[in-house]
Protein backbone atom coordinates (compact mmCIF):
# COMPACT_ATOMS: atom_id res chain seq x y z
CA MET A 1 -36.95 5.74 41.26
CA ASN A 2 -39.15 5.68 45.19
CA SER A 3 -41.50 8.23 46.10
CA LYS A 4 -40.56 11.72 47.71
CA LEU A 5 -42.80 14.24 49.89
CA LEU A 6 -43.66 17.31 48.06
CA SER A 7 -42.73 20.39 49.83
CA PHE A 8 -45.36 23.59 49.24
CA ASN A 9 -44.84 26.61 49.12
CA ARG A 10 -45.70 29.56 46.86
CA ARG A 11 -44.00 27.99 44.21
CA VAL A 12 -45.63 25.45 44.08
CA ARG A 13 -50.10 26.04 45.21
CA THR A 14 -52.58 23.88 46.46
CA THR A 15 -56.27 24.37 44.94
CA PRO A 16 -59.99 24.84 45.61
CA TYR A 17 -60.31 21.41 45.54
CA SER A 18 -57.18 20.11 47.55
CA ASP A 19 -58.90 18.59 50.16
CA ARG A 20 -61.38 16.92 48.63
CA VAL A 21 -58.80 15.16 46.48
CA GLU A 22 -57.06 14.02 49.99
CA GLN A 23 -60.15 13.00 51.09
CA ALA A 24 -61.30 11.20 47.59
CA GLY A 25 -58.21 9.12 47.88
CA VAL A 26 -55.56 10.38 45.75
CA THR A 27 -52.00 9.08 45.70
CA SER A 28 -49.91 10.64 43.58
CA TYR A 29 -49.90 14.71 42.06
CA THR A 30 -47.18 16.11 39.69
CA VAL A 31 -47.11 19.80 39.19
CA TYR A 32 -48.57 21.52 36.62
CA ASN A 33 -48.17 25.91 36.16
CA HIS A 34 -46.83 25.48 39.45
CA MET A 35 -50.67 23.80 40.83
CA LEU A 36 -50.90 20.43 42.20
CA LEU A 37 -52.31 18.38 39.31
CA PRO A 38 -53.73 14.57 40.81
CA THR A 39 -52.12 11.80 38.52
CA LEU A 40 -53.69 8.42 40.69
CA PHE A 41 -56.32 7.94 42.57
CA ASP A 42 -56.72 4.01 42.00
CA THR A 43 -54.63 1.49 39.71
CA PRO A 44 -54.39 2.87 36.75
CA GLU A 45 -56.46 0.09 35.07
CA SER A 46 -59.53 0.61 37.56
CA ASP A 47 -58.75 4.80 36.72
CA TYR A 48 -59.25 4.07 32.88
CA TRP A 49 -61.88 1.72 32.85
CA HIS A 50 -64.21 4.35 35.03
CA LEU A 51 -63.42 6.69 32.70
CA CYS A 52 -64.11 5.46 29.93
CA GLN A 53 -67.52 3.93 31.34
CA HIS A 54 -68.96 6.46 34.03
CA VAL A 55 -68.09 10.28 34.82
CA GLN A 56 -65.22 11.22 36.76
CA VAL A 57 -64.27 14.71 38.62
CA TRP A 58 -60.41 16.41 38.15
CA ASP A 59 -59.39 18.98 39.51
CA VAL A 60 -57.43 20.67 36.77
CA SER A 61 -57.06 23.89 38.24
CA GLY A 62 -53.51 23.80 37.20
CA GLN A 63 -54.96 24.67 33.62
CA ARG A 64 -54.46 28.27 34.04
CA GLN A 65 -55.99 31.17 32.41
CA VAL A 66 -53.85 34.26 30.71
CA GLU A 67 -56.20 36.54 30.23
CA LEU A 68 -56.15 39.88 27.77
CA ASN A 69 -58.13 42.26 28.75
CA GLY A 70 -58.25 45.29 26.95
CA PRO A 71 -58.93 47.59 23.26
CA ASP A 72 -55.38 45.90 21.78
CA ALA A 73 -57.03 42.09 22.91
CA ALA A 74 -57.54 40.46 20.24
CA LYS A 75 -54.64 42.05 17.98
CA LEU A 76 -52.46 40.14 20.63
CA ALA A 77 -54.01 37.06 20.37
CA GLN A 78 -53.73 36.94 16.97
CA LEU A 79 -50.12 37.85 17.52
CA MET A 80 -49.33 34.97 19.55
CA THR A 81 -50.99 32.46 17.10
CA PRO A 82 -50.34 31.47 13.74
CA ARG A 83 -53.92 30.30 13.55
CA ASP A 84 -56.87 32.68 12.21
CA LEU A 85 -58.96 34.56 14.39
CA SER A 86 -60.88 36.63 12.57
CA LYS A 87 -64.01 34.37 13.10
CA ILE A 88 -63.54 33.30 16.24
CA GLU A 89 -67.05 33.46 18.45
CA LEU A 90 -68.10 34.85 21.51
CA LEU A 91 -67.96 31.93 24.05
CA GLN A 92 -65.90 29.87 21.41
CA GLY A 93 -62.37 28.45 22.37
CA LYS A 94 -59.67 27.40 19.63
CA TYR A 95 -56.44 25.34 19.96
CA GLY A 96 -54.24 27.49 18.94
CA PRO A 97 -50.75 26.66 19.21
CA ILE A 98 -48.70 29.25 20.27
CA CYS A 99 -45.34 30.26 18.59
CA ASN A 100 -42.19 33.08 18.41
CA ALA A 101 -41.16 34.60 15.65
CA ALA A 102 -38.73 31.92 14.63
CA GLY A 103 -41.69 29.68 14.49
CA PHE A 104 -41.30 27.01 17.15
CA ILE A 105 -44.06 26.15 20.03
CA LEU A 106 -44.21 28.17 23.41
CA ASN A 107 -47.47 26.41 24.59
CA ASP A 108 -50.49 25.29 23.03
CA PRO A 109 -53.83 26.80 24.24
CA ILE A 110 -57.46 26.53 24.08
CA ILE A 111 -57.98 30.51 22.82
CA ILE A 112 -61.18 31.49 24.09
CA LYS A 113 -63.29 34.89 23.39
CA LEU A 114 -64.97 36.36 26.44
CA THR A 115 -65.65 39.38 24.94
CA GLU A 116 -64.67 41.64 22.14
CA ASP A 117 -61.38 42.94 24.10
CA ARG A 118 -61.41 40.12 26.87
CA PHE A 119 -59.81 36.50 25.87
CA TRP A 120 -58.72 33.47 27.92
CA LEU A 121 -55.28 31.76 26.95
CA SER A 122 -56.12 28.57 28.38
CA VAL A 123 -52.93 27.16 28.50
CA SER A 124 -50.78 23.78 29.33
CA ASP A 125 -47.41 23.96 30.99
CA SER A 126 -45.32 26.57 30.54
CA ASP A 127 -44.64 30.63 31.33
CA VAL A 128 -46.92 31.50 28.19
CA LYS A 129 -47.38 35.43 30.17
CA PHE A 130 -44.29 36.64 30.24
CA PHE A 131 -44.61 35.96 26.56
CA ALA A 132 -47.26 38.33 26.13
CA GLN A 133 -46.53 41.22 28.28
CA GLY A 134 -43.25 40.94 26.92
CA LEU A 135 -44.99 41.38 23.35
CA VAL A 136 -47.26 44.05 25.14
CA GLN A 137 -44.31 46.39 26.01
CA GLY A 138 -42.59 46.17 22.38
CA TYR A 139 -45.73 46.26 19.98
CA GLY A 140 -46.71 49.37 22.58
CA LEU A 141 -50.27 47.20 23.10
CA ASP A 142 -53.33 48.61 25.07
CA VAL A 143 -54.01 45.07 27.02
CA LYS A 144 -53.25 44.03 30.77
CA VAL A 145 -52.01 40.78 30.17
CA PHE A 146 -52.78 38.81 34.49
CA GLU A 147 -53.03 35.60 35.49
CA PRO A 148 -57.11 35.58 36.85
CA ASP A 149 -58.37 33.47 39.94
CA VAL A 150 -59.52 30.76 37.81
CA CYS A 151 -59.57 27.24 38.94
CA PRO A 152 -61.20 24.83 36.06
CA LEU A 153 -63.08 21.71 37.48
CA ALA A 154 -63.65 19.00 34.50
CA VAL A 155 -66.58 16.68 34.38
CA GLN A 156 -65.28 14.06 31.80
CA GLY A 157 -66.62 10.55 31.07
CA PRO A 158 -69.71 9.62 28.70
CA LYS A 159 -72.15 10.26 32.24
CA SER A 160 -70.95 13.77 32.39
CA GLU A 161 -74.19 15.98 30.51
CA GLU A 162 -76.22 13.82 32.48
CA LEU A 163 -74.50 15.03 35.81
CA MET A 164 -73.87 18.66 34.67
CA ALA A 165 -77.64 18.85 33.24
CA ARG A 166 -78.42 18.57 36.57
CA VAL A 167 -76.03 20.48 38.04
CA PHE A 168 -76.29 23.67 35.98
CA GLY A 169 -79.52 22.60 33.95
CA GLU A 170 -80.78 21.19 30.51
CA LYS A 171 -79.17 23.99 28.22
CA VAL A 172 -75.09 22.75 28.85
CA ARG A 173 -77.47 20.13 26.70
CA GLY A 174 -77.28 22.44 23.99
CA ILE A 175 -73.48 23.38 23.95
CA ARG A 176 -71.35 21.75 20.67
CA PHE A 177 -67.49 20.69 21.53
CA PHE A 178 -65.30 23.82 22.02
CA LYS A 179 -68.59 26.82 22.77
CA GLY A 180 -69.31 27.34 25.77
CA GLU A 181 -71.93 29.47 27.94
CA MET A 182 -71.81 32.01 31.27
CA LEU A 183 -74.23 29.02 33.84
CA GLU A 184 -74.70 30.76 37.36
CA PHE A 185 -73.88 28.33 40.30
CA ARG A 186 -75.19 29.97 43.75
CA GLY A 187 -75.74 32.89 42.14
CA VAL A 188 -72.17 33.43 40.19
CA GLU A 189 -71.55 32.59 36.10
CA MET A 190 -69.41 30.75 35.23
CA TYR A 191 -67.82 30.25 31.63
CA VAL A 192 -68.80 26.23 31.07
CA ALA A 193 -67.60 24.17 27.96
CA ARG A 194 -67.85 21.31 26.28
CA SER A 195 -64.20 20.62 26.06
CA GLY A 196 -61.78 18.85 28.32
CA TRP A 197 -58.17 16.30 28.03
CA SER A 198 -60.16 13.21 27.14
CA LYS A 199 -61.69 12.02 24.74
CA GLN A 200 -64.74 10.71 26.51
CA GLY A 201 -67.23 13.59 26.01
CA GLY A 202 -67.48 16.35 29.02
CA PHE A 203 -67.10 19.97 30.06
CA GLU A 204 -64.55 22.31 31.99
CA ILE A 205 -66.25 24.67 34.71
CA TYR A 206 -63.93 27.66 34.78
CA MET A 207 -64.84 28.08 38.38
CA CYS A 208 -63.94 31.51 39.13
CA ASP A 209 -64.51 31.93 42.86
CA TRP A 210 -62.31 29.91 45.37
CA SER A 211 -64.45 30.48 47.87
CA LEU A 212 -67.19 27.81 45.57
CA GLY A 213 -64.28 25.06 44.80
CA GLU A 214 -65.79 23.07 47.72
CA ALA A 215 -69.59 23.40 47.26
CA LEU A 216 -69.40 22.63 43.38
CA TRP A 217 -67.59 19.28 43.90
CA ASP A 218 -70.01 18.15 46.43
CA GLU A 219 -72.85 19.55 44.46
CA LEU A 220 -71.29 17.28 41.54
CA PHE A 221 -70.63 14.43 43.86
CA ALA A 222 -74.39 14.40 45.31
CA ASN A 223 -76.22 14.51 41.79
CA GLY A 224 -74.12 11.67 40.87
CA GLU A 225 -74.36 9.20 42.80
CA ASP A 226 -76.19 7.03 41.10
CA LEU A 227 -73.86 8.13 37.85
CA TYR A 228 -71.29 5.95 39.55
CA VAL A 229 -69.60 9.68 39.54
CA ARG A 230 -65.64 9.44 41.14
CA SER A 231 -62.80 11.85 41.42
CA GLY A 232 -60.09 11.46 38.83
CA CYS A 233 -57.69 12.64 36.18
CA PRO A 234 -56.03 13.47 33.20
CA GLN A 235 -54.43 9.91 32.21
CA GLY A 236 -51.22 8.88 29.82
CA ASN A 237 -53.28 5.64 28.68
CA GLU A 238 -56.49 7.15 27.40
CA ARG A 239 -54.57 10.70 26.23
CA LEU A 240 -52.46 8.30 24.06
CA GLU A 241 -55.27 6.23 22.49
CA SER A 242 -56.80 9.88 21.89
CA GLY A 243 -53.34 11.23 20.26
CA LEU A 244 -54.17 13.92 22.49
CA LEU A 245 -50.53 15.52 22.69
CA SER A 246 -48.70 16.96 25.97
CA TYR A 247 -47.05 20.13 25.53
CA GLY A 248 -43.52 19.76 27.60
CA ASN A 249 -43.59 16.01 26.71
CA ASP A 250 -44.29 15.35 23.07
CA MET A 251 -43.21 19.01 22.01
CA ASP A 252 -41.50 21.42 23.18
CA GLU A 253 -40.06 25.13 22.36
CA PHE A 254 -37.78 22.89 20.21
CA ASP A 255 -40.37 21.97 17.91
CA THR A 256 -42.59 22.88 14.65
CA PRO A 257 -45.70 22.46 14.04
CA PHE A 258 -45.21 21.09 11.24
CA GLU A 259 -42.81 18.52 12.79
CA CYS A 260 -45.79 17.76 15.58
CA GLY A 261 -48.78 17.35 12.84
CA LEU A 262 -50.26 20.96 14.11
CA ASP A 263 -49.89 21.60 9.97
CA SER A 264 -53.99 22.45 10.13
CA TYR A 265 -53.75 24.63 12.86
CA LEU A 266 -51.53 27.28 10.78
CA ASP A 267 -53.12 29.15 8.29
CA LEU A 268 -50.29 30.25 5.97
CA ASP A 269 -52.21 32.23 3.68
CA ALA A 270 -54.47 33.91 5.88
CA ASP A 271 -54.63 38.34 6.08
CA ILE A 272 -53.68 38.19 9.89
CA GLU A 273 -50.62 39.85 11.75
CA SER A 274 -48.44 37.58 13.68
CA LEU A 275 -45.57 36.98 15.49
CA SER A 276 -44.71 33.38 13.96
CA LEU A 277 -46.06 33.47 10.33
CA PRO A 278 -43.37 34.44 8.34
CA ALA A 279 -40.92 32.05 9.39
CA LEU A 280 -43.65 29.10 9.19
CA LYS A 281 -44.21 30.00 5.45
CA ALA A 282 -40.60 29.97 5.30
CA MET A 283 -40.31 26.73 6.73
CA ALA A 284 -43.22 24.99 5.46
CA GLY A 285 -42.12 21.52 3.80
CA LYS A 286 -38.64 21.81 5.22
CA GLN A 287 -38.73 19.73 8.40
CA THR A 288 -36.30 16.70 8.52
CA ARG A 289 -38.17 15.09 11.76
CA LYS A 290 -41.89 14.29 12.47
CA LEU A 291 -44.15 12.79 15.23
CA VAL A 292 -44.87 9.14 14.79
CA GLY A 293 -46.95 6.75 16.97
CA LEU A 294 -45.42 3.08 17.90
CA ALA A 295 -47.18 -0.25 19.33
CA PHE A 296 -45.24 -2.67 20.86
CA ASP A 297 -46.16 -5.54 23.15
CA ARG A 298 -45.04 -4.46 25.88
CA SER A 299 -42.74 -1.60 27.33
CA PRO A 300 -39.48 -1.30 25.76
CA HIS A 301 -36.39 -0.77 27.67
CA MET A 302 -34.33 2.08 26.47
CA GLN A 303 -31.73 4.68 28.06
CA PRO A 304 -33.10 7.47 29.16
CA SER A 305 -32.22 10.95 26.78
CA ARG A 306 -30.98 14.39 28.47
CA LEU A 307 -34.07 16.10 27.40
CA GLY A 308 -36.40 13.57 29.83
CA GLY A 309 -37.95 11.05 27.10
CA SER A 310 -36.03 7.87 25.60
CA ASP A 311 -33.32 8.05 23.17
CA ILE A 312 -34.20 5.04 20.08
CA GLU A 313 -30.50 3.84 19.05
CA VAL A 314 -30.45 2.32 15.30
CA ASP A 315 -26.77 0.61 14.01
CA GLY A 316 -25.65 2.22 17.47
CA GLU A 317 -26.84 5.53 16.70
CA ILE A 318 -28.99 8.26 18.35
CA ILE A 319 -31.57 9.28 15.53
CA GLY A 320 -34.50 9.80 17.60
CA GLU A 321 -36.65 10.07 20.90
CA ILE A 322 -39.60 8.13 22.35
CA ARG A 323 -41.26 11.55 24.10
CA SER A 324 -44.46 9.83 25.81
CA GLN A 325 -45.28 5.90 26.46
CA ALA A 326 -48.69 4.45 28.05
CA TRP A 327 -49.69 0.71 28.28
CA SER A 328 -53.15 0.56 26.77
CA PHE A 329 -55.54 -1.21 28.53
CA ARG A 330 -58.34 -1.44 25.51
CA TYR A 331 -55.44 -2.59 22.96
CA ASN A 332 -52.93 -4.60 25.10
CA LYS A 333 -50.51 -2.73 23.95
CA ASN A 334 -47.40 -0.82 25.04
CA LEU A 335 -48.17 2.50 23.19
CA ALA A 336 -45.72 5.28 22.36
CA ILE A 337 -45.15 9.12 20.92
CA ALA A 338 -41.49 9.14 18.93
CA MET A 339 -39.78 12.33 17.17
CA LEU A 340 -38.13 10.52 14.29
CA PRO A 341 -35.94 11.89 10.92
CA LEU A 342 -38.20 11.97 7.59
CA THR A 343 -35.08 10.23 5.91
CA TYR A 344 -35.78 6.93 8.52
CA LEU A 345 -39.54 6.92 7.70
CA ALA A 346 -38.82 7.36 3.87
CA LYS A 347 -36.62 3.89 4.06
CA ASN A 348 -38.91 2.09 6.63
CA ASP A 349 -42.02 1.75 7.46
CA SER A 350 -40.39 -0.04 11.15
CA ILE A 351 -38.66 -0.01 13.51
CA THR A 352 -37.03 -2.65 15.90
CA ILE A 353 -35.78 -1.56 19.52
CA ASP A 354 -35.33 -3.43 22.45
CA GLY A 355 -36.49 -6.58 19.91
CA GLN A 356 -39.86 -5.56 19.44
CA THR A 357 -40.82 -4.59 16.01
CA SER A 358 -43.35 -1.69 15.95
CA LEU A 359 -45.42 -0.49 12.50
CA PHE A 360 -44.32 3.71 11.89
CA HIS A 361 -48.83 4.82 13.68
CA SER A 362 -50.37 7.85 12.39
CA ILE A 363 -52.02 10.20 15.51
CA PRO A 364 -54.05 9.82 16.82
CA PHE A 365 -53.55 6.47 16.00
CA ASP A 366 -55.55 3.75 13.97
CA PHE A 367 -56.72 0.94 15.83
CA ASP A 368 -57.56 -0.84 12.90
CA GLN A 369 -53.87 -2.23 12.71
CA LEU A 370 -53.56 -2.78 16.14
CA VAL A 371 -56.38 -5.48 17.03
């Protein structure tokens, strides 16, 4: 497909870092939650190895926050997810699938508790804000739901902790995974968490003052020259290696947490009021499909499906779909995530597509089987 220019308007928004991203030589974008998200700077391979060896700054402003603010904020957050939030600590983030009353996944955010009556849902690419607003009306809750002007900046890679300590102070070294602190940049407090959409280690800065965006970007680069800091972005190859699921690609509103291997994030026996819990309890153990990992020596040629993936055909019958795939530079394999029926998985330990055979792998992949 030939590349086309992207038209900018109020439906596709720039970010506080867009000028710096352009100056850094971005070569492609996608749109995520109605905002620009860079997808490539140099080449996929050089971007990948740099992330694994050094440190990158990512403009992830598209990772929007849905704020729940008011006396019933905690109640609303719990209604939206089947994960028990009763013991979530202040400034802690928890991965929690958001499901509807039928038990299907609407989003899979990090749920962050800022105060007892203020939460952020750091959402994937779907308009979950309107779902939350509907619940407020339906349940008569005393809580405001809105999108605050918060534009996250991710610092990812093995040298990220050193760079963050230089800019925000030594306190960042004590932040544990999915925990955060309110730290100052030029007199403005920002939530800083040890998190991010890679497995190379890193932090996310929830930048809350648009006017400081370029200053924050410049400060990170000024302090990271000897660390070989450069601009980067979330990468499909690294996230498949890491087993990080992408909402809208690997799963969507037609899938359940059981089918996507998210059972450990469902607290089915907890004494909580969650909209989806009755349906999820009823469907436990009854799923007919499952996400699995595949690995091929080359990218298979397949027919696109109507849902945006690629149809998997066996003996003339479409039995499943490849949801995502990318080349692994580390393992020299084409990795894929596919949705397949349990009846097929029970009778087979591998599948042949386009003349290539792959064993079924767990997600994340067991790479001892790939080398």
